[in-house]
Amino acid sequence: MKTTLTKKRAISTILTTVIILVASVVLGSGVVLYGTSLFQGSTLTESIQVSGAKLWVDPLASPDGHAWGAAGIRNNGDKIVSFDKISVRGVDIPFTSWFATTDQDQATVENIQSAFPHSGVALYEATGEMGDSAVLTTAVPTGCTAADTADELIIDVDGAGSAATMCLLQLNGPISLEPGDRAVVYFQVINDTLNPIDKGSNTAVNLFAGKTGAPLSLTIAESDP
């Protein structure tokens, strides 16, 4: 029985070499791009800077305690952060007790570095203001009224000075900050967390964006009656 021989064309040595070289370049490029992506991701940081943090307690409050706090926040990292936690003495402050502005024309460097005012609970309950009411009537920010205490808070850190008047709106969720963005937040402390007898003592306050932030020890000041 005769064996039939069939001629088959094989890939030439040169073509095989070219294919191997191209594949090596493609794979090498993929590895480099993947490594670069990982490196860039690992070098981006999350960081917040807190300035001017304060706590006040109403000296005439009944034993259930009426207290407020305030802070300036700046995202000084490379990633968007979600500022989502304020707690006083281990008690979390719900978002609905936060009043904040992220308007960069209001949350200016001058404002977040200023001494935040608290001109008394009575003024807030009557007008929604905690600054110098003499100028707020003519300097109320756009979108903010002078007497809507339900969902806003008007702050003027320097009266008739150069600092912009701020309209802080009541929140229902975290504060999102792009890199370099600033925010000013006032928060109403849960009743019975602080009391008039706590004036002058230090207490722990946590301000965090995810895992970014640090516990602070603040001296409790006395607000105007």
N, C-alpha and C. Protein backbone atom coordinates (compact mmCIF):
# COMPACT_ATOMS: atom_id res chain seq x y z
N MET A 1 0.85 -1.19 0.00
CA MET A 1 0.00 0.00 0.00
C MET A 1 0.88 1.23 0.00
N LYS A 2 0.64 2.10 -0.94
CA LYS A 2 1.47 3.28 -1.06
C LYS A 2 1.04 4.36 -0.08
N THR A 3 2.01 5.00 0.48
CA THR A 3 1.75 6.12 1.39
C THR A 3 1.79 7.41 0.60
N THR A 4 0.70 8.18 0.73
CA THR A 4 0.62 9.44 -0.02
C THR A 4 1.24 10.56 0.81
N LEU A 5 2.19 11.22 0.26
CA LEU A 5 2.85 12.34 0.95
C LEU A 5 2.19 13.64 0.54
N THR A 6 1.85 14.48 1.54
CA THR A 6 1.21 15.77 1.25
C THR A 6 2.13 16.90 1.70
N LYS A 7 2.34 17.84 0.84
CA LYS A 7 3.18 18.98 1.18
C LYS A 7 2.37 20.02 1.94
N LYS A 8 2.81 20.46 3.11
CA LYS A 8 2.17 21.51 3.91
C LYS A 8 3.14 22.66 4.11
N ARG A 9 2.57 23.85 3.98
CA ARG A 9 3.41 25.03 4.16
C ARG A 9 3.52 25.38 5.65
N ALA A 10 4.66 25.52 6.18
CA ALA A 10 4.88 25.91 7.58
C ALA A 10 5.15 27.41 7.64
N ILE A 11 4.91 27.97 8.83
CA ILE A 11 5.21 29.40 9.00
C ILE A 11 6.71 29.57 8.96
N SER A 12 7.13 30.54 8.19
CA SER A 12 8.57 30.75 8.03
C SER A 12 9.21 31.20 9.33
N THR A 13 10.48 30.98 9.46
CA THR A 13 11.22 31.37 10.67
C THR A 13 11.16 32.88 10.90
N ILE A 14 11.23 33.64 9.82
CA ILE A 14 11.21 35.11 9.94
C ILE A 14 9.87 35.58 10.45
N LEU A 15 8.76 35.02 9.88
CA LEU A 15 7.42 35.42 10.32
C LEU A 15 7.18 35.03 11.78
N THR A 16 7.66 33.87 12.17
CA THR A 16 7.51 33.44 13.56
C THR A 16 8.23 34.40 14.50
N THR A 17 9.42 34.81 14.10
CA THR A 17 10.20 35.75 14.92
C THR A 17 9.48 37.08 15.07
N VAL A 18 8.89 37.57 13.96
CA VAL A 18 8.16 38.84 13.98
C VAL A 18 6.96 38.76 14.92
N ILE A 19 6.20 37.65 14.85
CA ILE A 19 5.03 37.47 15.70
C ILE A 19 5.44 37.47 17.17
N ILE A 20 6.51 36.77 17.49
CA ILE A 20 6.99 36.72 18.88
C ILE A 20 7.39 38.11 19.36
N LEU A 21 8.08 38.86 18.50
CA LEU A 21 8.50 40.21 18.89
C LEU A 21 7.32 41.13 19.13
N VAL A 22 6.33 41.10 18.24
CA VAL A 22 5.14 41.94 18.38
C VAL A 22 4.38 41.59 19.65
N ALA A 23 4.20 40.31 19.90
CA ALA A 23 3.50 39.87 21.09
C ALA A 23 4.22 40.33 22.35
N SER A 24 5.55 40.25 22.32
CA SER A 24 6.34 40.68 23.48
C SER A 24 6.16 42.17 23.74
N VAL A 25 6.15 42.97 22.66
CA VAL A 25 5.99 44.42 22.80
C VAL A 25 4.62 44.75 23.37
N VAL A 26 3.57 44.08 22.83
CA VAL A 26 2.20 44.33 23.30
C VAL A 26 2.06 43.96 24.77
N LEU A 27 2.54 42.80 25.14
CA LEU A 27 2.45 42.37 26.54
C LEU A 27 3.26 43.29 27.46
N GLY A 28 4.44 43.68 26.99
CA GLY A 28 5.27 44.58 27.79
C GLY A 28 4.61 45.92 28.00
N SER A 29 3.98 46.46 26.94
CA SER A 29 3.29 47.75 27.06
C SER A 29 2.14 47.65 28.05
N GLY A 30 1.40 46.52 28.00
CA GLY A 30 0.29 46.32 28.92
C GLY A 30 0.75 46.29 30.36
N VAL A 31 1.87 45.61 30.61
CA VAL A 31 2.41 45.54 31.97
C VAL A 31 2.84 46.93 32.46
N VAL A 32 3.47 47.71 31.59
CA VAL A 32 3.91 49.06 31.96
C VAL A 32 2.73 49.95 32.28
N LEU A 33 1.70 49.91 31.42
CA LEU A 33 0.52 50.74 31.64
C LEU A 33 -0.19 50.35 32.94
N TYR A 34 -0.29 49.06 33.20
CA TYR A 34 -0.94 48.58 34.43
C TYR A 34 -0.15 49.04 35.65
N GLY A 35 1.17 48.92 35.58
CA GLY A 35 2.01 49.34 36.70
C GLY A 35 1.92 50.84 36.93
N THR A 36 1.87 51.61 35.84
CA THR A 36 1.75 53.06 35.96
C THR A 36 0.44 53.45 36.61
N SER A 37 -0.64 52.76 36.20
CA SER A 37 -1.96 53.03 36.76
C SER A 37 -1.97 52.75 38.27
N LEU A 38 -1.38 51.62 38.67
CA LEU A 38 -1.32 51.29 40.09
C LEU A 38 -0.52 52.31 40.86
N PHE A 39 0.61 52.76 40.28
CA PHE A 39 1.45 53.74 40.96
C PHE A 39 0.73 55.06 41.14
N GLN A 40 0.06 55.51 40.07
CA GLN A 40 -0.67 56.77 40.16
C GLN A 40 -1.79 56.69 41.18
N GLY A 41 -2.49 55.54 41.21
CA GLY A 41 -3.57 55.37 42.18
C GLY A 41 -3.06 55.39 43.60
N SER A 42 -1.88 54.79 43.82
CA SER A 42 -1.35 54.70 45.18
C SER A 42 -0.79 56.02 45.66
N THR A 43 -0.41 56.92 44.74
CA THR A 43 0.17 58.19 45.16
C THR A 43 -0.89 59.25 45.47
N LEU A 44 -2.16 59.05 45.05
CA LEU A 44 -3.22 59.99 45.37
C LEU A 44 -3.60 59.83 46.84
N THR A 45 -3.80 60.94 47.52
CA THR A 45 -4.06 60.88 48.96
C THR A 45 -5.41 61.52 49.30
N GLU A 46 -6.00 61.05 50.39
CA GLU A 46 -7.19 61.66 50.96
C GLU A 46 -6.78 62.37 52.23
N SER A 47 -7.13 63.65 52.33
CA SER A 47 -6.72 64.42 53.50
C SER A 47 -7.66 65.61 53.68
N ILE A 48 -8.02 65.90 54.93
CA ILE A 48 -8.81 67.09 55.23
C ILE A 48 -8.09 67.92 56.29
N GLN A 49 -8.27 69.22 56.20
CA GLN A 49 -7.72 70.15 57.19
C GLN A 49 -8.88 70.82 57.91
N VAL A 50 -8.87 70.78 59.23
CA VAL A 50 -9.92 71.38 60.04
C VAL A 50 -9.36 72.64 60.70
N SER A 51 -10.11 73.74 60.59
CA SER A 51 -9.66 74.99 61.20
C SER A 51 -10.79 75.64 61.98
N GLY A 52 -10.43 76.34 63.03
CA GLY A 52 -11.37 77.14 63.80
C GLY A 52 -12.45 76.37 64.51
N ALA A 53 -12.23 75.07 64.77
CA ALA A 53 -13.27 74.26 65.42
C ALA A 53 -13.60 74.81 66.81
N LYS A 54 -14.90 74.93 67.11
CA LYS A 54 -15.34 75.48 68.39
C LYS A 54 -16.58 74.75 68.89
N LEU A 55 -16.79 74.84 70.21
CA LEU A 55 -17.99 74.32 70.84
C LEU A 55 -18.52 75.37 71.81
N TRP A 56 -19.86 75.52 71.85
CA TRP A 56 -20.48 76.44 72.80
C TRP A 56 -21.62 75.73 73.53
N VAL A 57 -21.84 76.12 74.75
CA VAL A 57 -23.00 75.63 75.49
C VAL A 57 -23.76 76.84 76.02
N ASP A 58 -25.08 76.76 75.98
CA ASP A 58 -25.94 77.85 76.47
C ASP A 58 -25.90 77.86 78.00
N PRO A 59 -25.44 78.97 78.62
CA PRO A 59 -25.31 79.00 80.08
C PRO A 59 -26.64 78.94 80.81
N LEU A 60 -27.73 79.26 80.12
CA LEU A 60 -29.04 79.26 80.77
C LEU A 60 -29.87 78.04 80.40
N ALA A 61 -29.23 77.09 79.73
CA ALA A 61 -29.99 75.92 79.27
C ALA A 61 -30.44 75.09 80.45
N SER A 62 -31.58 74.46 80.29
CA SER A 62 -32.06 73.51 81.29
C SER A 62 -31.14 72.30 81.27
N PRO A 63 -31.30 71.36 82.18
CA PRO A 63 -30.37 70.22 82.24
C PRO A 63 -30.24 69.41 80.96
N ASP A 64 -31.21 69.58 80.00
CA ASP A 64 -31.05 68.80 78.76
C ASP A 64 -29.95 69.37 77.87
N GLY A 65 -29.46 70.59 78.16
CA GLY A 65 -28.31 71.13 77.44
C GLY A 65 -28.63 71.57 76.03
N HIS A 66 -28.23 72.79 75.69
CA HIS A 66 -28.40 73.31 74.33
C HIS A 66 -27.02 73.77 73.88
N ALA A 67 -26.42 73.07 72.92
CA ALA A 67 -25.04 73.35 72.53
C ALA A 67 -24.87 73.28 71.01
N TRP A 68 -23.88 74.03 70.53
CA TRP A 68 -23.56 74.08 69.11
C TRP A 68 -22.05 73.94 68.92
N GLY A 69 -21.67 73.61 67.72
CA GLY A 69 -20.27 73.59 67.34
C GLY A 69 -20.11 74.13 65.93
N ALA A 70 -18.87 74.42 65.54
CA ALA A 70 -18.60 74.93 64.19
C ALA A 70 -17.17 74.56 63.79
N ALA A 71 -16.94 74.48 62.50
CA ALA A 71 -15.60 74.19 62.00
C ALA A 71 -15.49 74.58 60.53
N GLY A 72 -14.29 74.94 60.13
CA GLY A 72 -13.97 75.13 58.72
C GLY A 72 -13.27 73.87 58.22
N ILE A 73 -13.64 73.40 57.05
CA ILE A 73 -13.09 72.16 56.49
C ILE A 73 -12.49 72.46 55.13
N ARG A 74 -11.31 71.90 54.86
CA ARG A 74 -10.70 72.03 53.53
C ARG A 74 -10.18 70.67 53.08
N ASN A 75 -10.48 70.32 51.84
CA ASN A 75 -9.92 69.10 51.25
C ASN A 75 -8.53 69.44 50.72
N ASN A 76 -7.51 69.08 51.48
CA ASN A 76 -6.14 69.37 51.03
C ASN A 76 -5.43 68.13 50.50
N GLY A 77 -6.23 67.14 50.05
CA GLY A 77 -5.68 65.95 49.42
C GLY A 77 -5.83 66.00 47.91
N ASP A 78 -5.69 64.82 47.28
CA ASP A 78 -5.74 64.72 45.82
C ASP A 78 -7.01 64.05 45.32
N LYS A 79 -7.85 63.57 46.24
CA LYS A 79 -9.07 62.87 45.86
C LYS A 79 -10.30 63.61 46.37
N ILE A 80 -11.44 63.35 45.72
CA ILE A 80 -12.71 63.84 46.24
C ILE A 80 -12.97 63.12 47.57
N VAL A 81 -13.38 63.88 48.58
CA VAL A 81 -13.69 63.27 49.87
C VAL A 81 -15.15 63.54 50.24
N SER A 82 -15.68 62.70 51.08
CA SER A 82 -17.05 62.85 51.57
C SER A 82 -16.97 63.05 53.09
N PHE A 83 -17.15 64.30 53.51
CA PHE A 83 -17.09 64.62 54.93
C PHE A 83 -18.39 64.14 55.57
N ASP A 84 -18.29 63.10 56.39
CA ASP A 84 -19.51 62.39 56.77
C ASP A 84 -19.66 62.07 58.25
N LYS A 85 -18.77 62.61 59.09
CA LYS A 85 -18.90 62.26 60.51
C LYS A 85 -18.51 63.43 61.41
N ILE A 86 -19.41 63.80 62.30
CA ILE A 86 -19.12 64.71 63.40
C ILE A 86 -19.68 64.05 64.65
N SER A 87 -18.85 63.90 65.65
CA SER A 87 -19.33 63.36 66.91
C SER A 87 -18.74 64.15 68.07
N VAL A 88 -19.52 64.30 69.12
CA VAL A 88 -19.10 65.00 70.34
C VAL A 88 -19.27 64.03 71.50
N ARG A 89 -18.18 63.79 72.19
CA ARG A 89 -18.18 62.83 73.30
C ARG A 89 -18.72 61.46 72.86
N GLY A 90 -18.38 61.08 71.64
CA GLY A 90 -18.79 59.78 71.13
C GLY A 90 -20.21 59.72 70.61
N VAL A 91 -20.93 60.83 70.67
CA VAL A 91 -22.31 60.88 70.19
C VAL A 91 -22.33 61.48 68.78
N ASP A 92 -22.75 60.70 67.79
CA ASP A 92 -22.80 61.17 66.40
C ASP A 92 -23.87 62.25 66.23
N ILE A 93 -23.50 63.29 65.47
CA ILE A 93 -24.45 64.35 65.15
C ILE A 93 -25.13 63.99 63.83
N PRO A 94 -26.46 63.85 63.79
CA PRO A 94 -27.13 63.48 62.53
C PRO A 94 -27.01 64.59 61.50
N PHE A 95 -27.04 64.22 60.22
CA PHE A 95 -26.88 65.21 59.15
C PHE A 95 -27.91 66.32 59.23
N THR A 96 -29.10 66.01 59.68
CA THR A 96 -30.15 67.03 59.75
C THR A 96 -29.86 68.09 60.80
N SER A 97 -28.83 67.87 61.62
CA SER A 97 -28.40 68.88 62.59
C SER A 97 -27.16 69.62 62.12
N TRP A 98 -26.76 69.39 60.85
CA TRP A 98 -25.65 70.11 60.24
C TRP A 98 -26.21 71.25 59.39
N PHE A 99 -25.52 72.40 59.44
CA PHE A 99 -25.81 73.53 58.56
C PHE A 99 -24.49 73.91 57.90
N ALA A 100 -24.45 73.91 56.56
CA ALA A 100 -23.15 74.07 55.90
C ALA A 100 -23.27 74.85 54.60
N THR A 101 -22.14 75.42 54.19
CA THR A 101 -22.01 76.00 52.84
C THR A 101 -20.73 75.48 52.22
N THR A 102 -20.83 75.10 50.93
CA THR A 102 -19.65 74.74 50.14
C THR A 102 -19.45 75.74 49.01
N ASP A 103 -20.22 76.83 49.03
CA ASP A 103 -20.06 77.90 48.04
C ASP A 103 -18.70 78.55 48.29
N GLN A 104 -17.81 78.45 47.29
CA GLN A 104 -16.44 78.94 47.49
C GLN A 104 -16.36 80.46 47.60
N ASP A 105 -17.42 81.16 47.19
CA ASP A 105 -17.47 82.61 47.39
C ASP A 105 -17.88 82.96 48.82
N GLN A 106 -18.44 81.99 49.54
CA GLN A 106 -18.81 82.19 50.94
C GLN A 106 -17.82 81.50 51.88
N ALA A 107 -17.49 80.25 51.59
CA ALA A 107 -16.52 79.52 52.40
C ALA A 107 -15.10 79.89 51.95
N THR A 108 -14.80 81.16 52.08
CA THR A 108 -13.51 81.68 51.64
C THR A 108 -12.42 81.32 52.64
N VAL A 109 -11.17 81.51 52.23
CA VAL A 109 -10.04 81.29 53.14
C VAL A 109 -10.19 82.20 54.36
N GLU A 110 -10.59 83.45 54.13
CA GLU A 110 -10.78 84.39 55.24
C GLU A 110 -11.82 83.87 56.22
N ASN A 111 -12.92 83.33 55.71
CA ASN A 111 -13.98 82.86 56.59
C ASN A 111 -13.59 81.61 57.37
N ILE A 112 -12.97 80.63 56.70
CA ILE A 112 -12.67 79.39 57.41
C ILE A 112 -11.54 79.57 58.42
N GLN A 113 -10.78 80.66 58.27
CA GLN A 113 -9.70 80.92 59.23
C GLN A 113 -10.12 81.92 60.31
N SER A 114 -11.37 82.35 60.28
CA SER A 114 -11.84 83.32 61.26
C SER A 114 -12.35 82.63 62.52
N ALA A 115 -12.59 83.44 63.55
CA ALA A 115 -13.19 82.94 64.78
C ALA A 115 -14.70 82.90 64.56
N PHE A 116 -15.26 81.72 64.47
CA PHE A 116 -16.69 81.60 64.19
C PHE A 116 -17.50 82.14 65.37
N PRO A 117 -18.55 82.92 65.08
CA PRO A 117 -19.36 83.51 66.16
C PRO A 117 -20.55 82.65 66.54
N HIS A 118 -21.01 82.85 67.76
CA HIS A 118 -22.26 82.26 68.23
C HIS A 118 -22.92 83.33 69.09
N SER A 119 -23.89 84.02 68.52
CA SER A 119 -24.47 85.18 69.21
C SER A 119 -25.71 84.84 70.00
N GLY A 120 -25.90 83.55 70.28
CA GLY A 120 -26.98 83.19 71.18
C GLY A 120 -28.09 82.39 70.55
N VAL A 121 -28.65 81.50 71.34
CA VAL A 121 -29.74 80.64 70.89
C VAL A 121 -30.99 81.46 70.58
N ALA A 122 -31.24 82.48 71.39
CA ALA A 122 -32.45 83.29 71.20
C ALA A 122 -32.45 83.96 69.83
N LEU A 123 -31.29 84.50 69.43
CA LEU A 123 -31.20 85.16 68.12
C LEU A 123 -31.43 84.16 67.00
N TYR A 124 -30.82 82.97 67.14
CA TYR A 124 -31.00 81.95 66.11
C TYR A 124 -32.47 81.55 65.99
N GLU A 125 -33.11 81.30 67.11
CA GLU A 125 -34.50 80.84 67.07
C GLU A 125 -35.43 81.91 66.52
N ALA A 126 -35.06 83.19 66.70
CA ALA A 126 -35.92 84.27 66.23
C ALA A 126 -35.67 84.62 64.76
N THR A 127 -34.41 84.55 64.32
CA THR A 127 -34.07 85.07 63.00
C THR A 127 -33.28 84.11 62.12
N GLY A 128 -32.75 83.04 62.70
CA GLY A 128 -31.88 82.17 61.91
C GLY A 128 -30.48 82.70 61.77
N GLU A 129 -30.10 83.68 62.59
CA GLU A 129 -28.78 84.31 62.50
C GLU A 129 -27.93 83.98 63.73
N MET A 130 -26.61 83.93 63.52
CA MET A 130 -25.69 83.79 64.64
C MET A 130 -24.50 84.72 64.45
N GLY A 131 -24.69 85.79 63.71
CA GLY A 131 -23.63 86.76 63.50
C GLY A 131 -24.11 88.13 63.92
N ASP A 132 -23.59 89.17 63.28
CA ASP A 132 -23.96 90.54 63.60
C ASP A 132 -25.23 90.89 62.83
N SER A 133 -26.37 90.87 63.51
CA SER A 133 -27.65 91.05 62.83
C SER A 133 -27.80 92.44 62.23
N ALA A 134 -27.01 93.40 62.70
CA ALA A 134 -27.12 94.76 62.18
C ALA A 134 -26.75 94.83 60.70
N VAL A 135 -25.87 93.96 60.26
CA VAL A 135 -25.49 94.00 58.84
C VAL A 135 -26.14 92.89 58.03
N LEU A 136 -26.64 91.88 58.70
CA LEU A 136 -27.23 90.77 57.95
C LEU A 136 -28.47 91.18 57.17
N THR A 137 -29.18 92.19 57.65
CA THR A 137 -30.39 92.61 56.96
C THR A 137 -30.08 93.19 55.58
N THR A 138 -28.86 93.64 55.37
CA THR A 138 -28.49 94.20 54.06
C THR A 138 -27.44 93.35 53.36
N ALA A 139 -27.05 92.24 53.97
CA ALA A 139 -26.01 91.41 53.36
C ALA A 139 -26.37 89.94 53.36
N VAL A 140 -27.64 89.64 53.25
CA VAL A 140 -28.07 88.24 53.23
C VAL A 140 -27.67 87.62 51.88
N PRO A 141 -26.98 86.48 51.89
CA PRO A 141 -26.54 85.87 50.64
C PRO A 141 -27.70 85.44 49.75
N THR A 142 -27.43 85.33 48.46
CA THR A 142 -28.43 84.88 47.51
C THR A 142 -28.96 83.50 47.89
N GLY A 143 -30.27 83.36 47.86
CA GLY A 143 -30.87 82.08 48.18
C GLY A 143 -31.07 81.85 49.66
N CYS A 144 -30.81 82.86 50.48
CA CYS A 144 -30.95 82.72 51.92
C CYS A 144 -31.80 83.87 52.44
N THR A 145 -32.80 83.56 53.27
CA THR A 145 -33.63 84.61 53.84
C THR A 145 -33.17 84.92 55.25
N ALA A 146 -33.63 86.02 55.80
CA ALA A 146 -33.16 86.45 57.11
C ALA A 146 -33.97 85.89 58.26
N ALA A 147 -34.98 85.08 58.00
CA ALA A 147 -35.82 84.63 59.10
C ALA A 147 -36.38 83.22 58.92
N ASP A 148 -35.71 82.41 58.11
CA ASP A 148 -36.17 81.04 57.92
C ASP A 148 -35.29 80.12 58.76
N THR A 149 -35.66 79.92 60.01
CA THR A 149 -34.82 79.15 60.92
C THR A 149 -34.95 77.65 60.73
N ALA A 150 -35.89 77.21 59.91
CA ALA A 150 -36.13 75.78 59.76
C ALA A 150 -35.00 75.07 59.03
N ASP A 151 -34.45 75.69 57.99
CA ASP A 151 -33.47 74.96 57.18
C ASP A 151 -32.26 75.78 56.79
N GLU A 152 -32.00 76.88 57.46
CA GLU A 152 -30.81 77.65 57.13
C GLU A 152 -30.30 78.42 58.34
N LEU A 153 -29.05 78.83 58.23
CA LEU A 153 -28.39 79.56 59.30
C LEU A 153 -27.50 80.62 58.65
N ILE A 154 -27.65 81.87 59.05
CA ILE A 154 -26.88 82.96 58.45
C ILE A 154 -25.74 83.34 59.39
N ILE A 155 -24.51 83.37 58.85
CA ILE A 155 -23.33 83.66 59.64
C ILE A 155 -22.55 84.81 59.01
N ASP A 156 -22.21 85.79 59.83
CA ASP A 156 -21.31 86.86 59.40
C ASP A 156 -20.20 86.93 60.44
N VAL A 157 -19.00 86.54 60.04
CA VAL A 157 -17.93 86.39 61.03
C VAL A 157 -17.34 87.71 61.51
N ASP A 158 -17.57 88.80 60.75
CA ASP A 158 -16.91 90.06 61.14
C ASP A 158 -17.80 91.29 61.04
N GLY A 159 -19.11 91.09 61.12
CA GLY A 159 -20.00 92.25 61.08
C GLY A 159 -19.87 93.00 59.77
N ALA A 160 -19.48 94.27 59.85
CA ALA A 160 -19.39 95.10 58.64
C ALA A 160 -18.04 94.97 57.95
N GLY A 161 -17.27 93.96 58.30
CA GLY A 161 -15.94 93.79 57.70
C GLY A 161 -16.00 93.23 56.29
N SER A 162 -14.84 92.79 55.81
CA SER A 162 -14.73 92.37 54.41
C SER A 162 -15.14 90.91 54.18
N ALA A 163 -15.27 90.13 55.23
CA ALA A 163 -15.61 88.71 55.06
C ALA A 163 -17.03 88.54 54.54
N ALA A 164 -17.19 87.63 53.60
CA ALA A 164 -18.51 87.40 52.99
C ALA A 164 -19.47 86.79 54.00
N THR A 165 -20.72 87.25 53.96
CA THR A 165 -21.77 86.64 54.77
C THR A 165 -22.09 85.27 54.20
N MET A 166 -22.34 84.30 55.07
CA MET A 166 -22.55 82.93 54.63
C MET A 166 -23.98 82.48 54.91
N CYS A 167 -24.54 81.75 53.95
CA CYS A 167 -25.84 81.12 54.12
C CYS A 167 -25.61 79.62 54.24
N LEU A 168 -25.77 79.10 55.45
CA LEU A 168 -25.55 77.69 55.72
C LEU A 168 -26.89 76.97 55.68
N LEU A 169 -27.01 76.00 54.78
CA LEU A 169 -28.27 75.28 54.61
C LEU A 169 -28.25 73.96 55.37
N GLN A 170 -29.40 73.58 55.89
CA GLN A 170 -29.53 72.33 56.61
C GLN A 170 -29.27 71.16 55.65
N LEU A 171 -28.53 70.17 56.11
CA LEU A 171 -28.15 69.05 55.26
C LEU A 171 -29.00 67.82 55.53
N ASN A 172 -28.91 66.88 54.59
CA ASN A 172 -29.51 65.56 54.80
C ASN A 172 -28.57 64.45 54.36
N GLY A 173 -27.28 64.81 54.19
CA GLY A 173 -26.28 63.84 53.80
C GLY A 173 -24.89 64.42 53.92
N PRO A 174 -23.85 63.63 53.55
CA PRO A 174 -22.46 64.08 53.68
C PRO A 174 -22.15 65.28 52.80
N ILE A 175 -21.02 65.91 53.09
CA ILE A 175 -20.53 67.04 52.30
C ILE A 175 -19.44 66.53 51.36
N SER A 176 -19.65 66.65 50.06
CA SER A 176 -18.67 66.21 49.07
C SER A 176 -17.76 67.39 48.71
N LEU A 177 -16.45 67.16 48.78
CA LEU A 177 -15.48 68.22 48.52
C LEU A 177 -14.46 67.77 47.48
N GLU A 178 -14.34 68.54 46.41
CA GLU A 178 -13.28 68.33 45.43
C GLU A 178 -11.95 68.76 46.05
N PRO A 179 -10.81 68.27 45.51
CA PRO A 179 -9.51 68.72 46.02
C PRO A 179 -9.41 70.25 46.02
N GLY A 180 -9.04 70.80 47.15
CA GLY A 180 -8.90 72.25 47.29
C GLY A 180 -10.16 72.97 47.75
N ASP A 181 -11.31 72.29 47.70
CA ASP A 181 -12.57 72.93 48.10
C ASP A 181 -12.65 73.11 49.61
N ARG A 182 -13.44 74.11 50.02
CA ARG A 182 -13.62 74.43 51.43
C ARG A 182 -15.10 74.36 51.80
N ALA A 183 -15.36 74.21 53.08
CA ALA A 183 -16.73 74.22 53.60
C ALA A 183 -16.72 74.79 55.00
N VAL A 184 -17.82 75.42 55.38
CA VAL A 184 -18.03 75.84 56.77
C VAL A 184 -19.27 75.12 57.25
N VAL A 185 -19.18 74.50 58.42
CA VAL A 185 -20.30 73.75 58.96
C VAL A 185 -20.53 74.12 60.42
N TYR A 186 -21.79 74.41 60.74
CA TYR A 186 -22.25 74.56 62.12
C TYR A 186 -23.10 73.33 62.43
N PHE A 187 -23.04 72.86 63.65
CA PHE A 187 -23.82 71.67 64.00
C PHE A 187 -24.40 71.81 65.39
N GLN A 188 -25.64 71.37 65.53
CA GLN A 188 -26.32 71.41 66.81
C GLN A 188 -26.09 70.09 67.53
N VAL A 189 -25.49 70.18 68.70
CA VAL A 189 -25.14 69.00 69.48
C VAL A 189 -26.43 68.38 70.06
N ILE A 190 -26.45 67.05 70.08
CA ILE A 190 -27.61 66.35 70.64
C ILE A 190 -27.81 66.78 72.09
N ASN A 191 -29.05 67.08 72.44
CA ASN A 191 -29.36 67.50 73.80
C ASN A 191 -28.85 66.52 74.85
N ASP A 192 -28.39 67.07 75.94
CA ASP A 192 -27.88 66.32 77.09
C ASP A 192 -26.47 65.78 76.87
N THR A 193 -25.86 66.10 75.71
CA THR A 193 -24.46 65.72 75.50
C THR A 193 -23.56 66.67 76.27
N LEU A 194 -23.87 67.97 76.20
CA LEU A 194 -23.16 69.00 76.95
C LEU A 194 -24.15 69.76 77.82
N ASN A 195 -23.68 70.28 78.94
CA ASN A 195 -24.52 71.03 79.86
C ASN A 195 -23.76 72.26 80.35
N PRO A 196 -24.45 73.25 80.93
CA PRO A 196 -23.78 74.47 81.39
C PRO A 196 -22.59 74.21 82.31
N ILE A 197 -22.64 73.16 83.11
CA ILE A 197 -21.51 72.89 84.03
C ILE A 197 -20.25 72.46 83.28
N ASP A 198 -20.38 72.16 81.96
CA ASP A 198 -19.22 71.73 81.17
C ASP A 198 -18.39 72.90 80.67
N LYS A 199 -18.87 74.12 80.85
CA LYS A 199 -18.14 75.29 80.37
C LYS A 199 -16.71 75.29 80.90
N GLY A 200 -15.75 75.51 79.99
CA GLY A 200 -14.34 75.58 80.36
C GLY A 200 -13.62 74.26 80.36
N SER A 201 -14.35 73.16 80.27
CA SER A 201 -13.69 71.85 80.24
C SER A 201 -13.40 71.45 78.80
N ASN A 202 -12.53 70.48 78.65
CA ASN A 202 -12.19 69.97 77.33
C ASN A 202 -13.02 68.74 77.02
N THR A 203 -13.37 68.59 75.74
CA THR A 203 -14.13 67.41 75.35
C THR A 203 -13.69 66.94 73.97
N ALA A 204 -13.92 65.66 73.69
CA ALA A 204 -13.48 65.06 72.43
C ALA A 204 -14.50 65.32 71.33
N VAL A 205 -13.99 65.75 70.18
CA VAL A 205 -14.80 65.98 68.99
C VAL A 205 -14.12 65.28 67.82
N ASN A 206 -14.88 64.48 67.08
CA ASN A 206 -14.34 63.79 65.91
C ASN A 206 -14.93 64.39 64.64
N LEU A 207 -14.07 64.73 63.70
CA LEU A 207 -14.50 65.22 62.40
C LEU A 207 -13.78 64.41 61.34
N PHE A 208 -14.54 63.63 60.57
CA PHE A 208 -13.93 62.68 59.65
C PHE A 208 -14.59 62.71 58.28
N ALA A 209 -13.76 62.42 57.26
CA ALA A 209 -14.23 62.12 55.91
C ALA A 209 -13.81 60.69 55.64
N GLY A 210 -14.73 59.73 55.85
CA GLY A 210 -14.35 58.33 55.77
C GLY A 210 -13.38 58.00 56.89
N LYS A 211 -12.18 57.53 56.51
CA LYS A 211 -11.15 57.23 57.51
C LYS A 211 -10.18 58.39 57.69
N THR A 212 -10.42 59.47 56.96
CA THR A 212 -9.52 60.62 57.01
C THR A 212 -10.02 61.63 58.03
N GLY A 213 -9.13 62.07 58.89
CA GLY A 213 -9.50 63.04 59.91
C GLY A 213 -8.76 62.72 61.19
N ALA A 214 -9.17 63.38 62.27
CA ALA A 214 -8.50 63.16 63.54
C ALA A 214 -9.40 63.63 64.67
N PRO A 215 -9.30 62.98 65.84
CA PRO A 215 -10.04 63.47 67.00
C PRO A 215 -9.42 64.76 67.53
N LEU A 216 -10.27 65.67 67.96
CA LEU A 216 -9.81 66.94 68.52
C LEU A 216 -10.24 67.03 69.98
N SER A 217 -9.50 67.81 70.75
CA SER A 217 -9.89 68.12 72.12
C SER A 217 -10.19 69.61 72.17
N LEU A 218 -11.47 69.98 72.35
CA LEU A 218 -11.88 71.38 72.31
C LEU A 218 -12.35 71.84 73.68
N THR A 219 -12.03 73.10 73.98
CA THR A 219 -12.51 73.71 75.21
C THR A 219 -13.92 74.25 74.97
N ILE A 220 -14.85 73.92 75.82
CA ILE A 220 -16.25 74.33 75.65
C ILE A 220 -16.41 75.77 76.11
N ALA A 221 -16.85 76.61 75.16
CA ALA A 221 -17.07 78.02 75.46
C ALA A 221 -18.53 78.24 75.84
N GLU A 222 -18.82 79.46 76.29
CA GLU A 222 -20.18 79.82 76.67
C GLU A 222 -20.78 80.72 75.61
N SER A 223 -21.93 80.35 75.09
CA SER A 223 -22.60 81.18 74.10
C SER A 223 -23.34 82.29 74.80
N ASP A 224 -23.69 83.33 74.06
CA ASP A 224 -24.54 84.38 74.63
C ASP A 224 -25.91 83.81 74.93
N PRO A 225 -26.52 84.25 76.02
CA PRO A 225 -27.88 83.75 76.32
C PRO A 225 -28.85 84.08 75.21
